[in-house]
PDB file of N, CA and C in Angstrom:
ATOM      1  N   MET A   1      11.545-304.102 -68.401  1.00  0.00           N
ATOM      2  CA  MET A   1      10.965-304.446 -68.740  1.00  0.00           C
ATOM      3  C   MET A   1      10.626-305.296 -70.380  1.00  0.00           C
ATOM      4  N   ALA A   2      10.802-306.195 -70.615  1.00  0.00           N
ATOM      5  CA  ALA A   2      10.566-305.989 -72.166  1.00  0.00           C
ATOM      6  C   ALA A   2       9.467-306.216 -72.760  1.00  0.00           C
ATOM      7  N   THR A   3       9.376-305.442 -74.075  1.00  0.00           N
ATOM      8  CA  THR A   3       7.951-305.309 -74.560  1.00  0.00           C
ATOM      9  C   THR A   3       7.746-306.853 -76.223  1.00  0.00           C
ATOM     10  N   ILE A   4       6.997-307.163 -76.142  1.00  0.00           N
ATOM     11  CA  ILE A   4       6.963-308.195 -77.486  1.00  0.00           C
ATOM     12  C   ILE A   4       5.201-307.030 -78.114  1.00  0.00           C
ATOM     13  N   LEU A   5       5.810-307.262 -79.491  1.00  0.00           N
ATOM     14  CA  LEU A   5       4.620-306.493 -80.411  1.00  0.00           C
ATOM     15  C   LEU A   5       4.718-307.606 -81.543  1.00  0.00           C
ATOM     16  N   ILE A   6       3.401-308.808 -81.624  1.00  0.00           N
ATOM     17  CA  ILE A   6       3.244-309.212 -82.292  1.00  0.00           C
ATOM     18  C   ILE A   6       2.046-309.047 -83.595  1.00  0.00           C
ATOM     19  N   LYS A   7       2.489-309.091 -84.859  1.00  0.00           N
ATOM     20  CA  LYS A   7       1.930-308.274 -85.676  1.00  0.00           C
ATOM     21  C   LYS A   7       1.014-309.882 -86.604  1.00  0.00           C
ATOM     22  N   ASN A   8       0.119-309.138 -87.509  1.00  0.00           N
ATOM     23  CA  ASN A   8      -0.302-309.807 -88.006  1.00  0.00           C
ATOM     24  C   ASN A   8      -0.682-311.650 -87.688  1.00  0.00           C
ATOM     25  N   LEU A   9      -1.670-311.016 -86.406  1.00  0.00           N
ATOM     26  CA  LEU A   9      -2.174-312.148 -86.016  1.00  0.00           C
ATOM     27  C   LEU A   9      -3.718-312.190 -86.222  1.00  0.00           C
ATOM     28  N   PRO A  10      -4.250-313.653 -86.642  1.00  0.00           N
ATOM     29  CA  PRO A  10      -5.952-313.422 -87.029  1.00  0.00           C
ATOM     30  C   PRO A  10      -6.048-313.086 -85.726  1.00  0.00           C
ATOM     31  N   GLU A  11      -7.228-312.889 -86.658  1.00  0.00           N
ATOM     32  CA  GLU A  11      -8.465-312.412 -85.431  1.00  0.00           C
ATOM     33  C   GLU A  11      -8.996-313.513 -84.137  1.00  0.00           C
ATOM     34  N   ASP A  12      -9.514-314.651 -85.530  1.00  0.00           N
ATOM     35  CA  ASP A  12      -9.496-315.419 -84.624  1.00  0.00           C
ATOM     36  C   ASP A  12      -8.663-315.965 -83.468  1.00  0.00           C
ATOM     37  N   LEU A  13      -7.599-316.179 -83.630  1.00  0.00           N
ATOM     38  CA  LEU A  13      -6.552-316.709 -82.490  1.00  0.00           C
ATOM     39  C   LEU A  13      -6.689-315.577 -81.774  1.00  0.00           C
ATOM     40  N   LEU A  14      -7.104-314.272 -81.882  1.00  0.00           N
ATOM     41  CA  LEU A  14      -6.501-313.172 -80.544  1.00  0.00           C
ATOM     42  C   LEU A  14      -8.055-313.533 -79.693  1.00  0.00           C
ATOM     43  N   LYS A  15      -9.031-314.061 -80.491  1.00  0.00           N
ATOM     44  CA  LYS A  15     -10.190-314.148 -79.483  1.00  0.00           C
ATOM     45  C   LYS A  15     -10.083-315.294 -78.616  1.00  0.00           C
ATOM     46  N   GLU A  16     -10.050-316.684 -78.662  1.00  0.00           N
ATOM     47  CA  GLU A  16      -9.283-317.561 -78.950  1.00  0.00           C
ATOM     48  C   GLU A  16      -8.096-317.257 -77.074  1.00  0.00           C
ATOM     49  N   LEU A  17      -7.289-316.588 -77.932  1.00  0.00           N
ATOM     50  CA  LEU A  17      -6.048-316.052 -76.934  1.00  0.00           C
ATOM     51  C   LEU A  17      -6.955-315.211 -76.079  1.00  0.00           C
ATOM     52  N   LYS A  18      -7.807-314.463 -75.933  1.00  0.00           N
ATOM     53  CA  LYS A  18      -8.631-313.411 -75.086  1.00  0.00           C
ATOM     54  C   LYS A  18      -8.997-314.178 -73.854  1.00  0.00           C
ATOM     55  N   LYS A  19      -9.843-315.100 -74.288  1.00  0.00           N
ATOM     56  CA  LYS A  19     -10.756-316.131 -74.120  1.00  0.00           C
ATOM     57  C   LYS A  19      -9.929-317.249 -72.944  1.00  0.00           C
ATOM     58  N   LEU A  20      -8.731-317.374 -73.668  1.00  0.00           N
ATOM     59  CA  LEU A  20      -7.983-318.167 -72.598  1.00  0.00           C
ATOM     60  C   LEU A  20      -7.546-317.293 -71.090  1.00  0.00           C
ATOM     61  N   LYS A  21      -7.266-316.134 -71.604  1.00  0.00           N
ATOM     62  CA  LYS A  21      -6.524-315.406 -70.727  1.00  0.00           C
ATOM     63  C   LYS A  21      -7.707-315.221 -69.464  1.00  0.00           C
ATOM     64  N   VAL A  22      -8.907-314.792 -70.016  1.00  0.00           N
ATOM     65  CA  VAL A  22      -9.988-314.763 -68.814  1.00  0.00           C
ATOM     66  C   VAL A  22     -10.241-316.394 -68.095  1.00  0.00           C
ATOM     67  N   GLU A  23      -9.849-317.603 -69.152  1.00  0.00           N
ATOM     68  CA  GLU A  23     -10.493-318.799 -67.981  1.00  0.00           C
ATOM     69  C   GLU A  23      -9.528-319.300 -67.171  1.00  0.00           C
ATOM     70  N   LEU A  24      -8.072-318.513 -67.344  1.00  0.00           N
ATOM     71  CA  LEU A  24      -6.695-319.157 -66.328  1.00  0.00           C
ATOM     72  C   LEU A  24      -6.786-317.786 -65.659  1.00  0.00           C
ATOM     73  N   GLY A  25      -7.807-316.605 -65.598  1.00  0.00           N
ATOM     74  CA  GLY A  25      -7.344-315.889 -64.361  1.00  0.00           C
ATOM     75  C   GLY A  25      -6.306-314.822 -64.411  1.00  0.00           C
ATOM     76  N   CYS A  26      -5.780-314.414 -65.552  1.00  0.00           N
ATOM     77  CA  CYS A  26      -4.730-313.816 -66.127  1.00  0.00           C
ATOM     78  C   CYS A  26      -5.128-312.271 -66.245  1.00  0.00           C
ATOM     79  N   ARG A  27      -4.428-311.454 -65.781  1.00  0.00           N
ATOM     80  CA  ARG A  27      -4.788-310.115 -65.832  1.00  0.00           C
ATOM     81  C   ARG A  27      -4.239-309.095 -67.215  1.00  0.00           C
ATOM     82  N   THR A  28      -3.002-309.995 -67.843  1.00  0.00           N
ATOM     83  CA  THR A  28      -1.917-309.103 -68.285  1.00  0.00           C
ATOM     84  C   THR A  28      -1.665-310.483 -69.437  1.00  0.00           C
ATOM     85  N   TRP A  29      -1.140-310.005 -70.376  1.00  0.00           N
ATOM     86  CA  TRP A  29      -0.768-310.999 -71.122  1.00  0.00           C
ATOM     87  C   TRP A  29       0.368-311.707 -71.184  1.00  0.00           C
ATOM     88  N   ALA A  30       1.263-310.890 -70.741  1.00  0.00           N
ATOM     89  CA  ALA A  30       2.767-311.719 -69.667  1.00  0.00           C
ATOM     90  C   ALA A  30       2.188-312.998 -68.750  1.00  0.00           C
ATOM     91  N   GLU A  31       1.053-312.541 -67.906  1.00  0.00           N
ATOM     92  CA  GLU A  31       0.972-313.863 -67.159  1.00  0.00           C
ATOM     93  C   GLU A  31       0.329-314.810 -67.880  1.00  0.00           C
ATOM     94  N   LEU A  32      -0.269-314.726 -69.230  1.00  0.00           N
ATOM     95  CA  LEU A  32      -1.121-315.650 -69.823  1.00  0.00           C
ATOM     96  C   LEU A  32       0.258-316.726 -70.536  1.00  0.00           C
ATOM     97  N   LEU A  33       1.375-315.792 -71.040  1.00  0.00           N
ATOM     98  CA  LEU A  33       2.154-316.402 -71.858  1.00  0.00           C
ATOM     99  C   LEU A  33       3.349-317.195 -70.434  1.00  0.00           C
ATOM    100  N   ALA A  34       3.510-316.153 -69.438  1.00  0.00           N
ATOM    101  CA  ALA A  34       4.388-316.908 -68.499  1.00  0.00           C
ATOM    102  C   ALA A  34       3.234-318.664 -68.417  1.00  0.00           C
ATOM    103  N   LYS A  35       2.316-318.556 -68.098  1.00  0.00           N
ATOM    104  CA  LYS A  35       1.174-319.858 -67.362  1.00  0.00           C
ATOM    105  C   LYS A  35       1.425-320.741 -68.641  1.00  0.00           C
ATOM    106  N   LEU A  36       1.138-320.273 -69.842  1.00  0.00           N
ATOM    107  CA  LEU A  36       1.521-321.065 -70.658  1.00  0.00           C
ATOM    108  C   LEU A  36       2.842-321.668 -70.901  1.00  0.00           C
ATOM    109  N   VAL A  37       3.808-321.225 -71.046  1.00  0.00           N
ATOM    110  CA  VAL A  37       5.581-321.503 -70.702  1.00  0.00           C
ATOM    111  C   VAL A  37       5.302-322.765 -69.626  1.00  0.00           C
ATOM    112  N   GLU A  38       4.962-322.144 -68.664  1.00  0.00           N
ATOM    113  CA  GLU A  38       4.869-323.039 -67.507  1.00  0.00           C
ATOM    114  C   GLU A  38       4.339-324.121 -67.401  1.00  0.00           C
ATOM    115  N   SER A  39       2.949-324.582 -68.622  1.00  0.00           N
ATOM    116  CA  SER A  39       2.513-325.382 -68.526  1.00  0.00           C
ATOM    117  C   SER A  39       2.981-326.478 -68.924  1.00  0.00           C
ATOM    118  N   GLY A  40       3.992-326.058 -69.663  1.00  0.00           N
ATOM    119  CA  GLY A  40       4.872-326.750 -70.738  1.00  0.00           C
ATOM    120  C   GLY A  40       4.017-327.998 -72.092  1.00  0.00           C
ATOM    121  N   LYS A  41       2.625-327.780 -71.642  1.00  0.00           N
ATOM    122  CA  LYS A  41       1.734-328.336 -73.026  1.00  0.00           C
ATOM    123  C   LYS A  41       0.660-327.932 -73.151  1.00  0.00           C
ATOM    124  N   ALA A  42      -0.581-328.046 -74.388  1.00  0.00           N
ATOM    125  CA  ALA A  42      -1.246-327.530 -74.602  1.00  0.00           C
ATOM    126  C   ALA A  42      -2.179-328.488 -74.676  1.00  0.00           C
ATOM    127  N   ILE A  43      -2.841-328.285 -74.269  1.00  0.00           N
ATOM    128  CA  ILE A  43      -4.502-328.837 -74.487  1.00  0.00           C
ATOM    129  C   ILE A  43      -6.239-328.255 -75.393  1.00  0.00           C
ATOM    130  N   SER A  44      -5.791-328.634 -76.335  1.00  0.00           N
ATOM    131  CA  SER A  44      -7.252-328.269 -77.342  1.00  0.00           C
ATOM    132  C   SER A  44      -8.318-329.069 -77.498  1.00  0.00           C
ATOM    133  N   LEU A  45      -9.610-328.296 -77.248  1.00  0.00           N
ATOM    134  CA  LEU A  45     -10.508-328.824 -77.119  1.00  0.00           C
ATOM    135  C   LEU A  45     -11.663-328.359 -78.463  1.00  0.00           C
ATOM    136  N   THR A  46     -12.147-329.702 -79.502  1.00  0.00           N
ATOM    137  CA  THR A  46     -13.237-329.211 -80.449  1.00  0.00           C
ATOM    138  C   THR A  46     -14.520-328.362 -79.594  1.00  0.00           C
ATOM    139  N   GLU A  47     -15.239-327.995 -80.279  1.00  0.00           N
ATOM    140  CA  GLU A  47     -16.211-327.502 -79.655  1.00  0.00           C
ATOM    141  C   GLU A  47     -17.304-328.312 -79.639  1.00  0.00           C
ATOM    142  N   GLU A  48     -17.316-329.520 -80.210  1.00  0.00           N
ATOM    143  CA  GLU A  48     -17.571-330.717 -80.179  1.00  0.00           C
ATOM    144  C   GLU A  48     -17.901-331.434 -78.538  1.00  0.00           C
ATOM    145  N   LYS A  49     -16.263-331.076 -77.857  1.00  0.00           N
ATOM    146  CA  LYS A  49     -15.720-331.908 -76.872  1.00  0.00           C
ATOM    147  C   LYS A  49     -16.280-330.776 -76.036  1.00  0.00           C
ATOM    148  N   LEU A  50     -16.296-329.709 -75.925  1.00  0.00           N
ATOM    149  CA  LEU A  50     -16.573-328.881 -74.723  1.00  0.00           C
ATOM    150  C   LEU A  50     -18.036-328.855 -74.815  1.00  0.00           C
ATOM    151  N   ASP A  51     -18.822-329.456 -75.731  1.00  0.00           N
ATOM    152  CA  ASP A  51     -20.557-329.219 -75.718  1.00  0.00           C
ATOM    153  C   ASP A  51     -20.889-330.776 -74.805  1.00  0.00           C
ATOM    154  N   GLU A  52     -19.964-331.849 -75.042  1.00  0.00           N
ATOM    155  CA  GLU A  52     -20.251-332.676 -74.545  1.00  0.00           C
ATOM    156  C   GLU A  52     -19.605-332.887 -72.762  1.00  0.00           C
ATOM    157  N   MET A  53     -19.053-331.655 -72.274  1.00  0.00           N
ATOM    158  CA  MET A  53     -18.277-331.535 -71.172  1.00  0.00           C
ATOM    159  C   MET A  53     -19.531-330.837 -70.413  1.00  0.00           C
ATOM    160  N   ARG A  54     -20.119-329.687 -70.949  1.00  0.00           N
ATOM    161  CA  ARG A  54     -21.214-328.784 -70.628  1.00  0.00           C
ATOM    162  C   ARG A  54     -21.960-329.748 -70.126  1.00  0.00           C
ATOM    163  N   VAL A  55     -22.826-330.458 -71.009  1.00  0.00           N
ATOM    164  CA  VAL A  55     -23.924-331.476 -71.122  1.00  0.00           C
ATOM    165  C   VAL A  55     -23.537-332.322 -69.756  1.00  0.00           C
ATOM    166  N   GLY A  56     -22.321-332.744 -69.630  1.00  0.00           N
ATOM    167  CA  GLY A  56     -22.185-333.850 -68.923  1.00  0.00           C
ATOM    168  C   GLY A  56     -22.041-332.921 -67.247  1.00  0.00           C
ATOM    169  N   VAL A  57     -21.780-331.728 -67.287  1.00  0.00           N
ATOM    170  CA  VAL A  57     -21.604-330.868 -65.719  1.00  0.00           C
ATOM    171  C   VAL A  57     -23.119-330.445 -65.686  1.00  0.00           C
ATOM    172  N   GLN A  58     -24.125-330.326 -66.220  1.00  0.00           N
ATOM    173  CA  GLN A  58     -25.251-329.850 -66.739  1.00  0.00           C
ATOM    174  C   GLN A  58     -25.579-330.650 -65.776  1.00  0.00           C
ATOM    175  N   GLY A  59     -25.905-332.408 -66.378  1.00  0.00           N
ATOM    176  CA  GLY A  59     -26.209-333.406 -65.578  1.00  0.00           C
ATOM    177  C   GLY A  59     -25.859-333.520 -64.472  1.00  0.00           C
ATOM    178  N   PHE A  60     -24.713-333.415 -64.208  1.00  0.00           N
ATOM    179  CA  PHE A  60     -23.830-333.473 -62.559  1.00  0.00           C
ATOM    180  C   PHE A  60     -25.135-332.543 -61.362  1.00  0.00           C
ATOM    181  N   LEU A  61     -25.005-331.331 -62.253  1.00  0.00           N
ATOM    182  CA  LEU A  61     -25.716-330.282 -61.440  1.00  0.00           C
ATOM    183  C   LEU A  61     -27.145-330.438 -61.127  1.00  0.00           C
ATOM    184  N   GLU A  62     -27.953-331.326 -61.798  1.00  0.00           N
ATOM    185  CA  GLU A  62     -29.095-331.584 -61.889  1.00  0.00           C
ATOM    186  C   GLU A  62     -29.523-332.564 -61.264  1.00  0.00           C
ATOM    187  N   LEU A  63     -28.523-333.775 -61.024  1.00  0.00           N
ATOM    188  CA  LEU A  63     -27.857-334.726 -60.006  1.00  0.00           C
ATOM    189  C   LEU A  63     -28.063-334.428 -58.824  1.00  0.00           C
ATOM    190  N   LYS A  64     -26.916-333.463 -58.588  1.00  0.00           N
ATOM    191  CA  LYS A  64     -27.176-332.729 -57.058  1.00  0.00           C
ATOM    192  C   LYS A  64     -28.055-331.977 -56.920  1.00  0.00           C
ATOM    193  N   SER A  65     -29.070-331.728 -57.439  1.00  0.00           N
ATOM    194  CA  SER A  65     -30.049-330.650 -57.120  1.00  0.00           C
ATOM    195  C   SER A  65     -31.559-331.753 -56.722  1.00  0.00           C
ATOM    196  N   VAL A  66     -31.422-332.495 -57.309  1.00  0.00           N
ATOM    197  CA  VAL A  66     -32.262-333.869 -57.091  1.00  0.00           C
ATOM    198  C   VAL A  66     -31.765-334.474 -55.380  1.00  0.00           C
ATOM    199  N   VAL A  67     -30.908-334.939 -55.362  1.00  0.00           N
ATOM    200  CA  VAL A  67     -29.867-335.695 -54.340  1.00  0.00           C
ATOM    201  C   VAL A  67     -30.253-334.486 -52.819  1.00  0.00           C
ATOM    202  N   SER A  68     -29.473-333.071 -53.573  1.00  0.00           N
ATOM    203  CA  SER A  68     -30.280-332.263 -52.079  1.00  0.00           C
ATOM    204  C   SER A  68     -31.335-332.114 -51.530  1.00  0.00           C
ATOM    205  N   ASN A  69     -32.346-331.924 -52.642  1.00  0.00           N
ATOM    206  CA  ASN A  69     -33.724-332.212 -52.141  1.00  0.00           C
ATOM    207  C   ASN A  69     -34.003-333.148 -51.987  1.00  0.00           C
ATOM    208  N   ARG A  70     -34.124-334.185 -51.942  1.00  0.00           N
ATOM    209  CA  ARG A  70     -34.558-335.560 -51.395  1.00  0.00           C
ATOM    210  C   ARG A  70     -33.461-335.487 -49.728  1.00  0.00           C
ATOM    211  N   TRP A  71     -31.973-335.440 -49.955  1.00  0.00           N
ATOM    212  CA  TRP A  71     -32.006-335.282 -48.571  1.00  0.00           C
ATOM    213  C   TRP A  71     -32.848-334.473 -47.597  1.00  0.00           C
ATOM    214  N   LEU A  72     -32.810-333.277 -48.361  1.00  0.00           N
ATOM    215  CA  LEU A  72     -33.461-332.090 -47.062  1.00  0.00           C
ATOM    216  C   LEU A  72     -34.564-332.800 -46.598  1.00  0.00           C
ATOM    217  N   ASP A  73     -35.376-332.806 -47.841  1.00  0.00           N
ATOM    218  CA  ASP A  73     -36.947-333.878 -47.333  1.00  0.00           C
ATOM    219  C   ASP A  73     -36.806-334.670 -46.050  1.00  0.00           C
ATOM    220  N   HIS A  74     -35.977-335.499 -46.366  1.00  0.00           N
ATOM    221  CA  HIS A  74     -35.737-336.863 -45.739  1.00  0.00           C
ATOM    222  C   HIS A  74     -35.504-336.080 -43.961  1.00  0.00           C
ATOM    223  N   HIS A  75     -34.693-335.849 -44.424  1.00  0.00           N
ATOM    224  CA  HIS A  75     -33.750-334.762 -43.248  1.00  0.00           C
ATOM    225  C   HIS A  75     -35.190-334.099 -42.078  1.00  0.00           C
ATOM    226  N   LEU A  76     -36.310-333.556 -42.886  1.00  0.00           N
ATOM    227  CA  LEU A  76     -37.177-332.525 -42.736  1.00  0.00           C
ATOM    228  C   LEU A  76     -38.326-333.176 -42.271  1.00  0.00           C
ATOM    229  N   GLN A  77     -38.427-334.323 -42.735  1.00  0.00           N
ATOM    230  CA  GLN A  77     -39.846-335.748 -41.875  1.00  0.00           C
ATOM    231  C   GLN A  77     -38.707-336.689 -41.371  1.00  0.00           C
ATOM    232  N   TRP A  78     -37.373-336.399 -40.654  1.00  0.00           N
ATOM    233  CA  TRP A  78     -37.035-337.472 -39.430  1.00  0.00           C
ATOM    234  C   TRP A  78     -37.507-336.347 -38.256  1.00  0.00           C
ATOM    235  N   LYS A  79     -37.034-334.916 -38.538  1.00  0.00           N
ATOM    236  CA  LYS A  79     -37.464-333.953 -37.294  1.00  0.00           C
ATOM    237  C   LYS A  79     -38.607-333.873 -36.736  1.00  0.00           C
ATOM    238  N   SER A  80     -40.000-333.827 -37.611  1.00  0.00           N
ATOM    239  CA  SER A  80     -41.024-333.860 -37.618  1.00  0.00           C
ATOM    240  C   SER A  80     -41.462-334.962 -36.571  1.00  0.00           C
TER     241      SER A  80
END
């Protein structure tokens, strides 16, 4: 098996790669490289877009909670 050495990698790029490695569930750098090559394209999100996505997900989770609670209340009243 071959070995790759990458010199002069900026610290901020290394941080992003480490984060991506975790997000994609890769145990090794080789797995990350393979997934990146297989994907054929890269997606880059700004911090602003990530924040918008987080707000959207949070809103969805709150709505899910409200709907679940109302369904449970309705279901319990119907059984009584």
